[in-house]
Amino acid sequence: MTAELIHRVIRVYVVDDDPSVRKALKRLLSSAGFQVETFESALKFLEDEHDTDGACLVLDIQMSGMTGLELREHLAKKGVRIPIVLITAYDDEKTSRYAEMARLPLLIKPFIDNSLIEAIRSSH
């Protein structure tokens, strides 16, 4: 992996309603050299403007209020282009088909730490 690729992705936005997952992912991704910002809900993420250039969104699918998939659709309708890595604790065929059709990486919790880091780096 080249230094250029490692430095291209400097921001990772993590949206997950589980505080322990947010904390663990922030620790993991920060130790991998990413700048990490976490959000407890899709609506909290939408409250602020985000620089999506060189960024990646790690998005939990099952959340109360707006789901991760609804957030993805909302961003797409607004023309926001940001690589997304989907994460979920629910391994079902519908979710897998959605991720496959959208060509998005999907990781089932608990996942291997390196698989998330690689998915983020590969998204660029």
N, C-alpha and C. Protein backbone atom coordinates (compact mmCIF):
# COMPACT_ATOMS: atom_id res chain seq x y z
N MET A 1 0.84 -1.17 0.00
CA MET A 1 0.00 0.00 0.00
C MET A 1 0.89 1.24 0.00
N THR A 2 0.61 2.15 -0.88
CA THR A 2 1.45 3.34 -0.99
C THR A 2 1.08 4.36 0.07
N ALA A 3 2.05 5.22 0.37
CA ALA A 3 1.80 6.29 1.34
C ALA A 3 0.69 7.21 0.85
N GLU A 4 0.63 7.40 -0.48
CA GLU A 4 -0.40 8.27 -1.04
C GLU A 4 -1.79 7.74 -0.72
N LEU A 5 -2.02 6.44 -0.85
CA LEU A 5 -3.32 5.86 -0.57
C LEU A 5 -3.66 5.96 0.91
N ILE A 6 -2.70 5.73 1.75
CA ILE A 6 -2.95 5.81 3.19
C ILE A 6 -3.35 7.22 3.59
N HIS A 7 -2.73 8.23 2.99
CA HIS A 7 -3.01 9.61 3.37
C HIS A 7 -4.24 10.18 2.67
N ARG A 8 -4.73 9.53 1.62
CA ARG A 8 -5.91 10.03 0.94
C ARG A 8 -7.14 9.99 1.82
N VAL A 9 -7.33 8.94 2.57
CA VAL A 9 -8.48 8.81 3.46
C VAL A 9 -8.05 9.30 4.83
N ILE A 10 -8.45 10.50 5.15
CA ILE A 10 -8.03 11.02 6.46
C ILE A 10 -9.20 11.12 7.44
N ARG A 11 -10.43 11.12 6.93
CA ARG A 11 -11.59 11.24 7.80
C ARG A 11 -12.49 10.02 7.64
N VAL A 12 -12.92 9.51 8.77
CA VAL A 12 -13.91 8.43 8.77
C VAL A 12 -15.03 8.88 9.70
N TYR A 13 -16.24 8.90 9.17
CA TYR A 13 -17.42 9.21 9.95
C TYR A 13 -18.09 7.89 10.32
N VAL A 14 -18.25 7.64 11.60
CA VAL A 14 -18.88 6.41 12.08
C VAL A 14 -20.26 6.78 12.63
N VAL A 15 -21.29 6.15 12.06
CA VAL A 15 -22.66 6.37 12.52
C VAL A 15 -23.19 5.04 13.04
N ASP A 16 -23.37 4.96 14.37
CA ASP A 16 -23.85 3.73 15.01
C ASP A 16 -24.53 4.13 16.30
N ASP A 17 -25.69 3.54 16.59
CA ASP A 17 -26.43 3.93 17.80
C ASP A 17 -25.94 3.24 19.07
N ASP A 18 -24.98 2.35 18.96
CA ASP A 18 -24.43 1.65 20.12
C ASP A 18 -23.16 2.38 20.59
N PRO A 19 -23.19 2.98 21.79
CA PRO A 19 -22.04 3.73 22.27
C PRO A 19 -20.76 2.90 22.37
N SER A 20 -20.88 1.62 22.74
CA SER A 20 -19.67 0.79 22.85
C SER A 20 -19.07 0.52 21.48
N VAL A 21 -19.89 0.38 20.46
CA VAL A 21 -19.37 0.18 19.10
C VAL A 21 -18.69 1.46 18.62
N ARG A 22 -19.32 2.60 18.85
CA ARG A 22 -18.70 3.88 18.45
C ARG A 22 -17.34 4.05 19.11
N LYS A 23 -17.27 3.77 20.39
CA LYS A 23 -16.01 3.94 21.12
C LYS A 23 -14.95 2.99 20.59
N ALA A 24 -15.31 1.73 20.38
CA ALA A 24 -14.35 0.74 19.89
C ALA A 24 -13.87 1.08 18.48
N LEU A 25 -14.79 1.49 17.61
CA LEU A 25 -14.40 1.82 16.24
C LEU A 25 -13.55 3.09 16.20
N LYS A 26 -13.86 4.05 17.05
CA LYS A 26 -13.04 5.26 17.09
C LYS A 26 -11.61 4.91 17.51
N ARG A 27 -11.47 4.08 18.52
CA ARG A 27 -10.15 3.67 19.00
C ARG A 27 -9.40 2.90 17.91
N LEU A 28 -10.07 1.94 17.28
CA LEU A 28 -9.46 1.13 16.23
C LEU A 28 -9.01 1.99 15.05
N LEU A 29 -9.91 2.80 14.54
CA LEU A 29 -9.62 3.57 13.34
C LEU A 29 -8.61 4.69 13.60
N SER A 30 -8.66 5.28 14.78
CA SER A 30 -7.66 6.29 15.14
C SER A 30 -6.27 5.66 15.20
N SER A 31 -6.19 4.46 15.75
CA SER A 31 -4.89 3.78 15.83
C SER A 31 -4.37 3.40 14.45
N ALA A 32 -5.27 3.30 13.47
CA ALA A 32 -4.87 3.00 12.10
C ALA A 32 -4.51 4.26 11.31
N GLY A 33 -4.58 5.42 11.98
CA GLY A 33 -4.16 6.66 11.34
C GLY A 33 -5.27 7.50 10.73
N PHE A 34 -6.52 7.14 10.95
CA PHE A 34 -7.63 7.92 10.42
C PHE A 34 -8.07 8.97 11.43
N GLN A 35 -8.60 10.07 10.92
CA GLN A 35 -9.30 11.04 11.76
C GLN A 35 -10.73 10.53 11.86
N VAL A 36 -11.23 10.35 13.05
CA VAL A 36 -12.52 9.72 13.23
C VAL A 36 -13.47 10.64 13.98
N GLU A 37 -14.68 10.72 13.46
CA GLU A 37 -15.75 11.44 14.13
C GLU A 37 -16.93 10.48 14.23
N THR A 38 -17.55 10.40 15.41
CA THR A 38 -18.65 9.45 15.59
C THR A 38 -19.97 10.19 15.82
N PHE A 39 -21.04 9.50 15.45
CA PHE A 39 -22.39 10.04 15.57
C PHE A 39 -23.31 8.95 16.09
N GLU A 40 -24.21 9.33 16.99
CA GLU A 40 -25.10 8.36 17.61
C GLU A 40 -26.33 8.04 16.77
N SER A 41 -26.56 8.81 15.71
CA SER A 41 -27.72 8.56 14.86
C SER A 41 -27.49 9.19 13.49
N ALA A 42 -28.30 8.75 12.55
CA ALA A 42 -28.24 9.33 11.20
C ALA A 42 -28.63 10.80 11.26
N LEU A 43 -29.61 11.13 12.08
CA LEU A 43 -30.04 12.53 12.18
C LEU A 43 -28.95 13.41 12.76
N LYS A 44 -28.20 12.91 13.74
CA LYS A 44 -27.08 13.69 14.29
C LYS A 44 -26.02 13.93 13.21
N PHE A 45 -25.78 12.92 12.37
CA PHE A 45 -24.83 13.08 11.28
C PHE A 45 -25.29 14.18 10.33
N LEU A 46 -26.59 14.22 10.05
CA LEU A 46 -27.12 15.19 9.10
C LEU A 46 -27.19 16.62 9.64
N GLU A 47 -27.05 16.78 10.95
CA GLU A 47 -27.15 18.12 11.55
C GLU A 47 -26.06 19.06 11.07
N ASP A 48 -24.90 18.53 10.73
CA ASP A 48 -23.76 19.38 10.34
C ASP A 48 -23.35 19.09 8.91
N GLU A 49 -22.66 20.04 8.32
CA GLU A 49 -22.03 19.84 7.01
C GLU A 49 -20.76 19.03 7.24
N HIS A 50 -20.46 18.12 6.33
CA HIS A 50 -19.26 17.30 6.45
C HIS A 50 -18.47 17.38 5.16
N ASP A 51 -17.17 17.48 5.31
CA ASP A 51 -16.28 17.44 4.15
C ASP A 51 -16.17 15.99 3.73
N THR A 52 -16.73 15.68 2.57
CA THR A 52 -16.74 14.29 2.12
C THR A 52 -15.56 13.97 1.21
N ASP A 53 -14.77 14.97 0.85
CA ASP A 53 -13.61 14.72 0.00
C ASP A 53 -12.56 13.95 0.80
N GLY A 54 -12.22 12.76 0.32
CA GLY A 54 -11.24 11.94 1.02
C GLY A 54 -11.77 11.32 2.28
N ALA A 55 -13.09 11.25 2.42
CA ALA A 55 -13.69 10.71 3.63
C ALA A 55 -14.40 9.39 3.31
N CYS A 56 -14.78 8.70 4.37
CA CYS A 56 -15.53 7.45 4.25
C CYS A 56 -16.55 7.41 5.38
N LEU A 57 -17.71 6.85 5.09
CA LEU A 57 -18.78 6.74 6.07
C LEU A 57 -18.93 5.27 6.46
N VAL A 58 -18.73 4.97 7.74
CA VAL A 58 -18.98 3.62 8.28
C VAL A 58 -20.35 3.70 8.92
N LEU A 59 -21.28 2.94 8.35
CA LEU A 59 -22.69 3.16 8.64
C LEU A 59 -23.38 1.89 9.12
N ASP A 60 -23.90 1.95 10.35
CA ASP A 60 -24.69 0.84 10.87
C ASP A 60 -26.03 0.84 10.14
N ILE A 61 -26.52 -0.33 9.81
CA ILE A 61 -27.77 -0.42 9.07
C ILE A 61 -28.97 -0.27 9.99
N GLN A 62 -28.99 -0.99 11.10
CA GLN A 62 -30.15 -1.00 11.99
C GLN A 62 -29.98 0.03 13.10
N MET A 63 -30.67 1.15 12.95
CA MET A 63 -30.67 2.19 13.99
C MET A 63 -32.08 2.69 14.16
N SER A 64 -32.40 3.17 15.35
CA SER A 64 -33.71 3.75 15.57
C SER A 64 -33.79 5.09 14.84
N GLY A 65 -34.99 5.51 14.56
CA GLY A 65 -35.16 6.73 13.76
C GLY A 65 -34.84 6.42 12.32
N MET A 66 -33.94 7.17 11.73
CA MET A 66 -33.53 6.93 10.35
C MET A 66 -32.51 5.79 10.33
N THR A 67 -32.76 4.77 9.52
CA THR A 67 -31.82 3.66 9.42
C THR A 67 -30.61 4.06 8.58
N GLY A 68 -29.60 3.23 8.61
CA GLY A 68 -28.42 3.49 7.80
C GLY A 68 -28.73 3.49 6.32
N LEU A 69 -29.61 2.59 5.89
CA LEU A 69 -29.98 2.54 4.48
C LEU A 69 -30.76 3.79 4.08
N GLU A 70 -31.61 4.26 4.97
CA GLU A 70 -32.36 5.51 4.69
C GLU A 70 -31.39 6.69 4.61
N LEU A 71 -30.38 6.72 5.47
CA LEU A 71 -29.38 7.78 5.40
C LEU A 71 -28.64 7.72 4.08
N ARG A 72 -28.26 6.54 3.65
CA ARG A 72 -27.57 6.40 2.37
C ARG A 72 -28.43 6.93 1.23
N GLU A 73 -29.71 6.58 1.22
CA GLU A 73 -30.62 7.05 0.16
C GLU A 73 -30.78 8.57 0.23
N HIS A 74 -30.88 9.11 1.43
CA HIS A 74 -31.01 10.57 1.61
C HIS A 74 -29.78 11.29 1.04
N LEU A 75 -28.60 10.80 1.36
CA LEU A 75 -27.37 11.41 0.86
C LEU A 75 -27.30 11.33 -0.66
N ALA A 76 -27.70 10.19 -1.22
CA ALA A 76 -27.67 10.01 -2.67
C ALA A 76 -28.61 11.00 -3.35
N LYS A 77 -29.79 11.19 -2.79
CA LYS A 77 -30.76 12.14 -3.36
C LYS A 77 -30.24 13.57 -3.33
N LYS A 78 -29.43 13.89 -2.32
CA LYS A 78 -28.84 15.22 -2.21
C LYS A 78 -27.58 15.36 -3.06
N GLY A 79 -27.17 14.28 -3.70
CA GLY A 79 -25.98 14.31 -4.54
C GLY A 79 -24.68 14.22 -3.77
N VAL A 80 -24.75 13.80 -2.51
CA VAL A 80 -23.55 13.64 -1.69
C VAL A 80 -22.88 12.33 -2.08
N ARG A 81 -21.63 12.44 -2.51
CA ARG A 81 -20.88 11.26 -2.91
C ARG A 81 -19.80 11.00 -1.87
N ILE A 82 -19.98 9.90 -1.15
CA ILE A 82 -19.02 9.50 -0.13
C ILE A 82 -18.98 7.97 -0.10
N PRO A 83 -17.80 7.39 -0.09
CA PRO A 83 -17.73 5.93 0.03
C PRO A 83 -18.35 5.49 1.36
N ILE A 84 -19.06 4.38 1.30
CA ILE A 84 -19.76 3.86 2.49
C ILE A 84 -19.37 2.41 2.72
N VAL A 85 -19.12 2.09 3.98
CA VAL A 85 -18.96 0.71 4.43
C VAL A 85 -20.12 0.44 5.38
N LEU A 86 -20.94 -0.55 5.04
CA LEU A 86 -22.08 -0.91 5.87
C LEU A 86 -21.65 -1.91 6.93
N ILE A 87 -22.19 -1.73 8.14
CA ILE A 87 -21.95 -2.69 9.21
C ILE A 87 -23.31 -3.03 9.83
N THR A 88 -23.44 -4.27 10.27
CA THR A 88 -24.69 -4.69 10.89
C THR A 88 -24.45 -5.92 11.76
N ALA A 89 -25.33 -6.08 12.73
CA ALA A 89 -25.31 -7.29 13.55
C ALA A 89 -26.27 -8.33 13.00
N TYR A 90 -27.05 -7.94 11.98
CA TYR A 90 -28.09 -8.81 11.42
C TYR A 90 -27.67 -9.32 10.06
N ASP A 91 -27.34 -10.58 10.00
CA ASP A 91 -26.90 -11.22 8.76
C ASP A 91 -28.11 -11.84 8.08
N ASP A 92 -28.76 -11.05 7.20
CA ASP A 92 -29.91 -11.58 6.48
C ASP A 92 -29.74 -11.40 4.98
N GLU A 93 -30.49 -12.16 4.24
CA GLU A 93 -30.34 -12.18 2.77
C GLU A 93 -30.71 -10.83 2.15
N LYS A 94 -31.74 -10.18 2.67
CA LYS A 94 -32.18 -8.89 2.11
C LYS A 94 -31.06 -7.85 2.21
N THR A 95 -30.43 -7.78 3.36
CA THR A 95 -29.33 -6.83 3.57
C THR A 95 -28.15 -7.16 2.67
N SER A 96 -27.83 -8.43 2.58
CA SER A 96 -26.71 -8.85 1.71
C SER A 96 -26.99 -8.50 0.26
N ARG A 97 -28.22 -8.72 -0.20
CA ARG A 97 -28.59 -8.37 -1.59
C ARG A 97 -28.48 -6.86 -1.81
N TYR A 98 -28.96 -6.08 -0.84
CA TYR A 98 -28.89 -4.63 -0.96
C TYR A 98 -27.44 -4.18 -1.12
N ALA A 99 -26.58 -4.66 -0.24
CA ALA A 99 -25.16 -4.29 -0.29
C ALA A 99 -24.54 -4.70 -1.61
N GLU A 100 -24.88 -5.89 -2.08
CA GLU A 100 -24.33 -6.38 -3.34
C GLU A 100 -24.81 -5.53 -4.51
N MET A 101 -26.10 -5.22 -4.54
CA MET A 101 -26.64 -4.40 -5.64
C MET A 101 -26.07 -2.99 -5.62
N ALA A 102 -25.86 -2.45 -4.41
CA ALA A 102 -25.31 -1.10 -4.29
C ALA A 102 -23.78 -1.09 -4.40
N ARG A 103 -23.20 -2.29 -4.49
CA ARG A 103 -21.74 -2.43 -4.55
C ARG A 103 -21.05 -1.78 -3.36
N LEU A 104 -21.58 -2.09 -2.18
CA LEU A 104 -21.03 -1.56 -0.94
C LEU A 104 -20.49 -2.71 -0.11
N PRO A 105 -19.35 -2.49 0.54
CA PRO A 105 -18.86 -3.52 1.47
C PRO A 105 -19.82 -3.65 2.64
N LEU A 106 -20.04 -4.88 3.06
CA LEU A 106 -20.92 -5.17 4.19
C LEU A 106 -20.16 -6.06 5.16
N LEU A 107 -20.04 -5.59 6.41
CA LEU A 107 -19.37 -6.36 7.45
C LEU A 107 -20.39 -6.72 8.53
N ILE A 108 -20.40 -7.98 8.92
CA ILE A 108 -21.31 -8.46 9.95
C ILE A 108 -20.59 -8.42 11.29
N LYS A 109 -21.21 -7.76 12.27
CA LYS A 109 -20.64 -7.66 13.61
C LYS A 109 -20.76 -9.01 14.30
N PRO A 110 -19.80 -9.43 15.07
CA PRO A 110 -18.47 -8.82 15.20
C PRO A 110 -17.61 -9.19 14.00
N PHE A 111 -16.84 -8.25 13.53
CA PHE A 111 -15.99 -8.49 12.37
C PHE A 111 -14.54 -8.33 12.78
N ILE A 112 -13.66 -8.82 11.94
CA ILE A 112 -12.22 -8.71 12.19
C ILE A 112 -11.80 -7.27 11.93
N ASP A 113 -11.05 -6.69 12.86
CA ASP A 113 -10.65 -5.29 12.76
C ASP A 113 -10.03 -4.95 11.42
N ASN A 114 -9.13 -5.80 10.95
CA ASN A 114 -8.44 -5.52 9.68
C ASN A 114 -9.40 -5.49 8.50
N SER A 115 -10.52 -6.21 8.59
CA SER A 115 -11.47 -6.21 7.48
C SER A 115 -12.11 -4.84 7.32
N LEU A 116 -12.36 -4.14 8.42
CA LEU A 116 -12.92 -2.79 8.34
C LEU A 116 -11.88 -1.83 7.79
N ILE A 117 -10.68 -1.89 8.30
CA ILE A 117 -9.61 -1.00 7.83
C ILE A 117 -9.38 -1.20 6.34
N GLU A 118 -9.35 -2.44 5.89
CA GLU A 118 -9.14 -2.73 4.47
C GLU A 118 -10.32 -2.24 3.64
N ALA A 119 -11.55 -2.42 4.14
CA ALA A 119 -12.73 -1.96 3.40
C ALA A 119 -12.70 -0.45 3.23
N ILE A 120 -12.28 0.28 4.25
CA ILE A 120 -12.18 1.73 4.16
C ILE A 120 -11.14 2.13 3.15
N ARG A 121 -9.97 1.54 3.24
CA ARG A 121 -8.90 1.87 2.29
C ARG A 121 -9.27 1.48 0.86
N SER A 122 -9.96 0.36 0.69
CA SER A 122 -10.34 -0.10 -0.64
C SER A 122 -11.45 0.75 -1.25
N SER A 123 -12.18 1.46 -0.43
CA SER A 123 -13.29 2.25 -0.93
C SER A 123 -12.83 3.46 -1.73
N HIS A 124 -11.54 3.72 -1.69
CA HIS A 124 -11.01 4.86 -2.44
C HIS A 124 -10.16 4.34 -3.55
